[in-house]
Amino acid sequence: MAEKTVTVEQIGSPIRREGKQRATLIGLGLNKIRRRSTLTDTPSVRGMIEKVKHLVRVVE
């Protein structure tokens, strides 16, 4: 059985944001606008996406 994955793309800049939000983006493998990262769909990854939902979008 294949693992489910989720692809996220950074759409906003972490400039003038709390340091935790920048760290969360780096944890998701993102650090530049328009960069995409494919991750395993787990509750912890979904929580990270939720914390920076204003800076990323989920690509279907």
N, C-alpha and C. Protein backbone atom coordinates (compact mmCIF):
# COMPACT_ATOMS: atom_id res chain seq x y z
N MET A 1 0.84 -1.18 0.00
CA MET A 1 0.00 0.00 0.00
C MET A 1 0.89 1.24 0.00
N ALA A 2 0.64 2.14 -0.92
CA ALA A 2 1.45 3.35 -1.06
C ALA A 2 1.09 4.36 0.02
N GLU A 3 2.11 5.07 0.48
CA GLU A 3 1.88 6.12 1.47
C GLU A 3 1.23 7.32 0.81
N LYS A 4 0.34 7.97 1.53
CA LYS A 4 -0.27 9.19 1.02
C LYS A 4 0.73 10.32 1.16
N THR A 5 0.71 11.20 0.19
CA THR A 5 1.60 12.36 0.24
C THR A 5 0.79 13.63 0.05
N VAL A 6 1.38 14.72 0.47
CA VAL A 6 0.79 16.04 0.29
C VAL A 6 1.88 16.96 -0.25
N THR A 7 1.53 17.76 -1.25
CA THR A 7 2.48 18.71 -1.83
C THR A 7 2.05 20.11 -1.43
N VAL A 8 3.00 20.86 -0.88
CA VAL A 8 2.72 22.24 -0.47
C VAL A 8 3.63 23.18 -1.25
N GLU A 9 3.10 24.37 -1.53
CA GLU A 9 3.86 25.40 -2.24
C GLU A 9 3.84 26.66 -1.40
N GLN A 10 4.97 27.30 -1.27
CA GLN A 10 5.06 28.54 -0.50
C GLN A 10 4.55 29.68 -1.36
N ILE A 11 3.61 30.45 -0.82
CA ILE A 11 3.04 31.58 -1.57
C ILE A 11 3.26 32.91 -0.86
N GLY A 12 3.79 32.87 0.36
CA GLY A 12 4.00 34.10 1.11
C GLY A 12 5.39 34.14 1.71
N SER A 13 5.83 35.34 2.06
CA SER A 13 7.15 35.53 2.63
C SER A 13 7.09 35.54 4.16
N PRO A 14 8.07 34.94 4.81
CA PRO A 14 8.10 34.95 6.28
C PRO A 14 8.68 36.24 6.86
N ILE A 15 9.01 37.22 6.01
CA ILE A 15 9.53 38.49 6.50
C ILE A 15 8.46 39.17 7.35
N ARG A 16 8.89 39.74 8.48
CA ARG A 16 8.01 40.39 9.45
C ARG A 16 7.03 39.43 10.09
N ARG A 17 7.38 38.16 10.14
CA ARG A 17 6.58 37.15 10.83
C ARG A 17 7.34 36.65 12.03
N GLU A 18 6.64 35.96 12.89
CA GLU A 18 7.25 35.36 14.07
C GLU A 18 8.29 34.32 13.65
N GLY A 19 9.36 34.19 14.41
CA GLY A 19 10.44 33.26 14.07
C GLY A 19 9.99 31.82 13.97
N LYS A 20 8.97 31.45 14.73
CA LYS A 20 8.46 30.07 14.68
C LYS A 20 7.87 29.75 13.32
N GLN A 21 7.29 30.76 12.67
CA GLN A 21 6.70 30.52 11.36
C GLN A 21 7.78 30.27 10.31
N ARG A 22 8.89 30.99 10.39
CA ARG A 22 10.01 30.75 9.48
C ARG A 22 10.57 29.35 9.72
N ALA A 23 10.69 28.97 10.98
CA ALA A 23 11.21 27.64 11.32
C ALA A 23 10.27 26.54 10.82
N THR A 24 8.98 26.77 10.89
CA THR A 24 8.01 25.80 10.39
C THR A 24 8.13 25.63 8.88
N LEU A 25 8.32 26.74 8.15
CA LEU A 25 8.51 26.66 6.71
C LEU A 25 9.76 25.85 6.38
N ILE A 26 10.84 26.09 7.11
CA ILE A 26 12.08 25.34 6.87
C ILE A 26 11.85 23.86 7.18
N GLY A 27 11.08 23.58 8.24
CA GLY A 27 10.75 22.19 8.57
C GLY A 27 9.95 21.50 7.49
N LEU A 28 9.16 22.27 6.77
CA LEU A 28 8.38 21.73 5.65
C LEU A 28 9.21 21.63 4.37
N GLY A 29 10.44 22.11 4.41
CA GLY A 29 11.31 22.05 3.24
C GLY A 29 11.13 23.23 2.31
N LEU A 30 10.58 24.32 2.83
CA LEU A 30 10.33 25.51 2.01
C LEU A 30 11.16 26.67 2.55
N ASN A 31 11.65 27.53 1.67
CA ASN A 31 12.33 28.74 2.11
C ASN A 31 12.31 29.84 1.07
N LYS A 32 11.70 29.60 -0.08
CA LYS A 32 11.57 30.61 -1.12
C LYS A 32 10.17 30.52 -1.72
N ILE A 33 9.66 31.65 -2.15
CA ILE A 33 8.32 31.69 -2.74
C ILE A 33 8.31 30.86 -4.03
N ARG A 34 7.22 30.15 -4.24
CA ARG A 34 6.98 29.25 -5.37
C ARG A 34 7.70 27.90 -5.25
N ARG A 35 8.44 27.69 -4.18
CA ARG A 35 9.11 26.39 -3.99
C ARG A 35 8.07 25.39 -3.52
N ARG A 36 8.17 24.16 -4.02
CA ARG A 36 7.24 23.09 -3.66
C ARG A 36 7.97 21.99 -2.91
N SER A 37 7.23 21.33 -2.05
CA SER A 37 7.78 20.23 -1.27
C SER A 37 6.72 19.15 -1.16
N THR A 38 7.10 17.90 -1.40
CA THR A 38 6.19 16.76 -1.26
C THR A 38 6.55 16.02 0.01
N LEU A 39 5.57 15.86 0.88
CA LEU A 39 5.78 15.28 2.20
C LEU A 39 4.79 14.14 2.44
N THR A 40 5.13 13.26 3.37
CA THR A 40 4.20 12.21 3.79
C THR A 40 3.05 12.85 4.54
N ASP A 41 1.84 12.44 4.24
CA ASP A 41 0.65 13.02 4.85
C ASP A 41 0.43 12.41 6.23
N THR A 42 0.93 13.09 7.25
CA THR A 42 0.76 12.64 8.63
C THR A 42 0.11 13.77 9.43
N PRO A 43 -0.43 13.45 10.60
CA PRO A 43 -1.03 14.50 11.43
C PRO A 43 -0.04 15.61 11.81
N SER A 44 1.22 15.26 12.03
CA SER A 44 2.20 16.28 12.39
C SER A 44 2.46 17.24 11.23
N VAL A 45 2.53 16.71 10.01
CA VAL A 45 2.73 17.57 8.84
C VAL A 45 1.49 18.45 8.62
N ARG A 46 0.31 17.88 8.80
CA ARG A 46 -0.91 18.67 8.66
C ARG A 46 -0.97 19.79 9.69
N GLY A 47 -0.47 19.53 10.91
CA GLY A 47 -0.42 20.56 11.93
C GLY A 47 0.53 21.68 11.56
N MET A 48 1.67 21.31 10.97
CA MET A 48 2.64 22.33 10.54
C MET A 48 2.04 23.19 9.43
N ILE A 49 1.33 22.56 8.50
CA ILE A 49 0.68 23.30 7.41
C ILE A 49 -0.36 24.25 7.99
N GLU A 50 -1.10 23.80 8.99
CA GLU A 50 -2.14 24.62 9.62
C GLU A 50 -1.54 25.87 10.27
N LYS A 51 -0.35 25.75 10.86
CA LYS A 51 0.28 26.89 11.53
C LYS A 51 0.73 27.97 10.56
N VAL A 52 1.03 27.59 9.32
CA VAL A 52 1.48 28.58 8.33
C VAL A 52 0.58 28.58 7.10
N LYS A 53 -0.71 28.34 7.32
CA LYS A 53 -1.65 28.23 6.20
C LYS A 53 -1.77 29.52 5.40
N HIS A 54 -1.40 30.66 5.99
CA HIS A 54 -1.44 31.93 5.28
C HIS A 54 -0.20 32.13 4.40
N LEU A 55 0.80 31.26 4.53
CA LEU A 55 2.03 31.37 3.74
C LEU A 55 2.19 30.24 2.71
N VAL A 56 1.37 29.20 2.81
CA VAL A 56 1.49 28.06 1.90
C VAL A 56 0.13 27.69 1.34
N ARG A 57 0.14 26.90 0.28
CA ARG A 57 -1.09 26.32 -0.24
C ARG A 57 -0.82 24.86 -0.58
N VAL A 58 -1.84 24.04 -0.44
CA VAL A 58 -1.73 22.62 -0.75
C VAL A 58 -2.02 22.46 -2.23
N VAL A 59 -1.11 21.81 -2.95
CA VAL A 59 -1.25 21.59 -4.38
C VAL A 59 -1.90 20.23 -4.58
N GLU A 60 -2.98 20.20 -5.32
CA GLU A 60 -3.69 18.93 -5.57
C GLU A 60 -3.05 18.16 -6.69
